[in-house]
Amino acid sequence: MSEDPTPAEALEAIARSRRAVHDRVATGGWRYDLTYAAIMAGMVGGQALEIPFNVFASTFGVLALAVIFQHESRRTGLRITGVSPRRARWVAIAMGLVFAAVMLGIVYLRRTASDVPVALIVAVAAGIAFVLALVGSRVWRRVYRAEMGTGE
């Protein structure tokens, strides 16, 4: 029969576990963030296209996000959904709201500004979405690490 750990040993085991989680999440961050930003650029920029291409952009974007989620889950051994811990959840929600607003704005612009070339709207929208996604992903990662008590 093994002995129960002391409180200090239990706290150290928790700290080691948190560091191990941090180490797994910390590696490959830029690769993930750039891939995520490219997918979001395609999804958002695609909203300026006509039906069915805008639907395809959204559908393929969601599928691509599912693929990188599965890849990261296998790579890290963790299923991080973006909605926990608490402050990181609010960053993820804010990012979703920003992308929804940008998409709606693009659809509105596409329907009302018939003199603007579609290719220009797609390019500008994709560029804006790429930057927003990259910044948002880096902010989320920083908030996640801070909340997990591991810092940056």
Protein backbone atom coordinates (compact mmCIF):
# COMPACT_ATOMS: atom_id res chain seq x y z
CA MET A 1 0.00 0.00 0.00
CA SER A 2 1.41 3.39 -0.95
CA GLU A 3 1.45 6.38 1.31
CA ASP A 4 -0.70 9.41 0.64
CA PRO A 5 1.30 12.37 -0.62
CA THR A 6 1.87 15.31 1.64
CA PRO A 7 0.11 18.58 0.76
CA ALA A 8 3.40 19.97 -0.55
CA GLU A 9 3.92 16.91 -2.76
CA ALA A 10 0.36 17.15 -4.05
CA LEU A 11 0.80 20.83 -4.89
CA GLU A 12 4.09 20.08 -6.67
CA ALA A 13 2.37 17.33 -8.69
CA ILE A 14 -0.31 19.81 -9.72
CA ALA A 15 2.33 22.36 -10.70
CA ARG A 16 4.19 19.72 -12.77
CA SER A 17 0.96 18.78 -14.50
CA ARG A 18 0.21 22.42 -15.35
CA ARG A 19 3.74 22.88 -16.70
CA ALA A 20 3.34 19.76 -18.84
CA VAL A 21 0.08 21.12 -20.27
CA HIS A 22 1.75 24.48 -20.93
CA ASP A 23 4.67 22.81 -22.69
CA ARG A 24 2.35 20.85 -24.98
CA VAL A 25 0.21 23.91 -25.82
CA ALA A 26 3.21 26.23 -26.19
CA THR A 27 4.90 24.30 -29.00
CA GLY A 28 3.86 24.83 -32.60
CA GLY A 29 1.92 27.98 -31.78
CA TRP A 30 2.86 30.05 -34.81
CA ARG A 31 2.18 27.21 -37.23
CA TYR A 32 -1.29 26.75 -35.76
CA ASP A 33 -2.00 30.50 -35.64
CA LEU A 34 -0.97 31.07 -39.26
CA THR A 35 -3.01 28.07 -40.44
CA TYR A 36 -6.02 29.27 -38.44
CA ALA A 37 -5.64 32.79 -39.86
CA ALA A 38 -5.46 31.46 -43.44
CA ILE A 39 -8.60 29.38 -42.93
CA MET A 40 -10.48 32.33 -41.46
CA ALA A 41 -9.29 34.54 -44.34
CA GLY A 42 -10.79 32.06 -46.80
CA MET A 43 -14.05 31.81 -44.89
CA VAL A 44 -14.49 35.55 -44.50
CA GLY A 45 -13.25 36.52 -47.95
CA GLY A 46 -15.46 33.87 -49.48
CA GLN A 47 -18.55 35.67 -48.22
CA ALA A 48 -18.11 38.24 -51.01
CA LEU A 49 -18.65 35.53 -53.61
CA GLU A 50 -21.96 34.55 -55.16
CA ILE A 51 -24.00 31.57 -54.05
CA PRO A 52 -22.94 28.68 -53.89
CA PHE A 53 -19.29 29.72 -53.60
CA ASN A 54 -19.84 31.69 -50.38
CA VAL A 55 -21.51 28.62 -48.87
CA PHE A 56 -18.60 26.45 -50.01
CA ALA A 57 -16.15 28.88 -48.40
CA SER A 58 -17.96 28.61 -45.08
CA THR A 59 -18.38 24.84 -45.31
CA PHE A 60 -14.78 24.15 -46.26
CA GLY A 61 -13.61 26.60 -43.60
CA VAL A 62 -15.52 24.80 -40.87
CA LEU A 63 -14.20 21.46 -42.10
CA ALA A 64 -10.65 22.82 -42.15
CA LEU A 65 -11.07 24.13 -38.60
CA ALA A 66 -12.24 20.67 -37.52
CA VAL A 67 -9.17 19.12 -39.16
CA ILE A 68 -6.71 21.43 -37.39
CA PHE A 69 -8.59 20.88 -34.10
CA GLN A 70 -8.17 17.11 -34.51
CA HIS A 71 -4.53 17.52 -35.52
CA GLU A 72 -3.77 19.67 -32.48
CA SER A 73 -5.66 17.28 -30.22
CA ARG A 74 -3.52 14.37 -31.44
CA ARG A 75 -0.33 16.44 -31.27
CA THR A 76 -0.84 17.76 -27.74
CA GLY A 77 -3.01 15.04 -26.24
CA LEU A 78 -5.46 17.77 -25.19
CA ARG A 79 -8.81 18.88 -26.56
CA ILE A 80 -8.70 22.63 -26.12
CA THR A 81 -11.93 24.09 -27.46
CA GLY A 82 -11.22 27.74 -26.76
CA VAL A 83 -14.08 28.18 -24.30
CA SER A 84 -12.22 27.55 -21.09
CA PRO A 85 -10.78 28.90 -18.89
CA ARG A 86 -13.15 31.81 -18.27
CA ARG A 87 -11.23 34.80 -19.65
CA ALA A 88 -10.03 32.85 -22.68
CA ARG A 89 -13.70 32.01 -23.33
CA TRP A 90 -14.49 35.71 -23.61
CA VAL A 91 -11.65 36.23 -26.05
CA ALA A 92 -13.01 33.38 -28.19
CA ILE A 93 -16.56 34.77 -28.04
CA ALA A 94 -15.33 38.25 -28.95
CA MET A 95 -13.42 36.81 -31.91
CA GLY A 96 -16.55 35.02 -33.11
CA LEU A 97 -18.61 38.19 -32.84
CA VAL A 98 -15.98 40.21 -34.71
CA PHE A 99 -15.87 37.66 -37.53
CA ALA A 100 -19.66 37.52 -37.72
CA ALA A 101 -19.81 41.32 -37.96
CA VAL A 102 -17.09 41.40 -40.63
CA MET A 103 -18.89 38.70 -42.64
CA LEU A 104 -22.20 40.54 -42.44
CA GLY A 105 -20.47 43.75 -43.46
CA ILE A 106 -18.92 42.03 -46.45
CA VAL A 107 -22.26 40.58 -47.54
CA TYR A 108 -23.84 44.02 -47.20
CA LEU A 109 -21.01 45.70 -49.11
CA ARG A 110 -21.15 43.09 -51.85
CA ARG A 111 -24.90 43.60 -52.28
CA THR A 112 -24.84 47.41 -52.22
CA ALA A 113 -21.53 48.38 -53.86
CA SER A 114 -22.00 46.91 -57.31
CA ASP A 115 -19.31 49.16 -58.80
CA VAL A 116 -16.54 47.64 -56.61
CA PRO A 117 -14.87 44.59 -58.19
CA VAL A 118 -15.64 41.35 -56.37
CA ALA A 119 -11.97 40.35 -56.45
CA LEU A 120 -11.06 43.53 -54.56
CA ILE A 121 -13.70 42.90 -51.90
CA VAL A 122 -12.51 39.29 -51.51
CA ALA A 123 -8.85 40.33 -51.26
CA VAL A 124 -9.44 43.13 -48.76
CA ALA A 125 -11.82 41.02 -46.67
CA ALA A 126 -9.42 38.07 -46.63
CA GLY A 127 -6.52 40.33 -45.65
CA ILE A 128 -8.46 41.93 -42.83
CA ALA A 129 -9.69 38.54 -41.62
CA PHE A 130 -6.17 37.09 -41.72
CA VAL A 131 -4.80 39.89 -39.54
CA LEU A 132 -7.76 39.76 -37.13
CA ALA A 133 -7.51 35.98 -36.81
CA LEU A 134 -3.77 36.04 -36.24
CA VAL A 135 -4.00 38.78 -33.60
CA GLY A 136 -7.02 37.12 -31.98
CA SER A 137 -5.34 33.74 -31.85
CA ARG A 138 -2.21 35.19 -30.27
CA VAL A 139 -4.30 37.13 -27.72
CA TRP A 140 -6.31 33.99 -26.89
CA ARG A 141 -3.11 31.98 -26.42
CA ARG A 142 -1.64 34.65 -24.12
CA VAL A 143 -4.84 34.84 -22.03
CA TYR A 144 -5.04 31.04 -21.86
CA ARG A 145 -1.48 30.75 -20.62
CA ALA A 146 -1.93 33.54 -18.09
CA GLU A 147 -5.10 31.93 -16.73
CA MET A 148 -3.45 28.55 -16.51
CA GLY A 149 -0.85 30.21 -14.31
CA THR A 150 2.03 29.58 -16.69
CA GLY A 151 2.58 33.06 -18.07
CA GLU A 152 3.90 33.69 -21.59
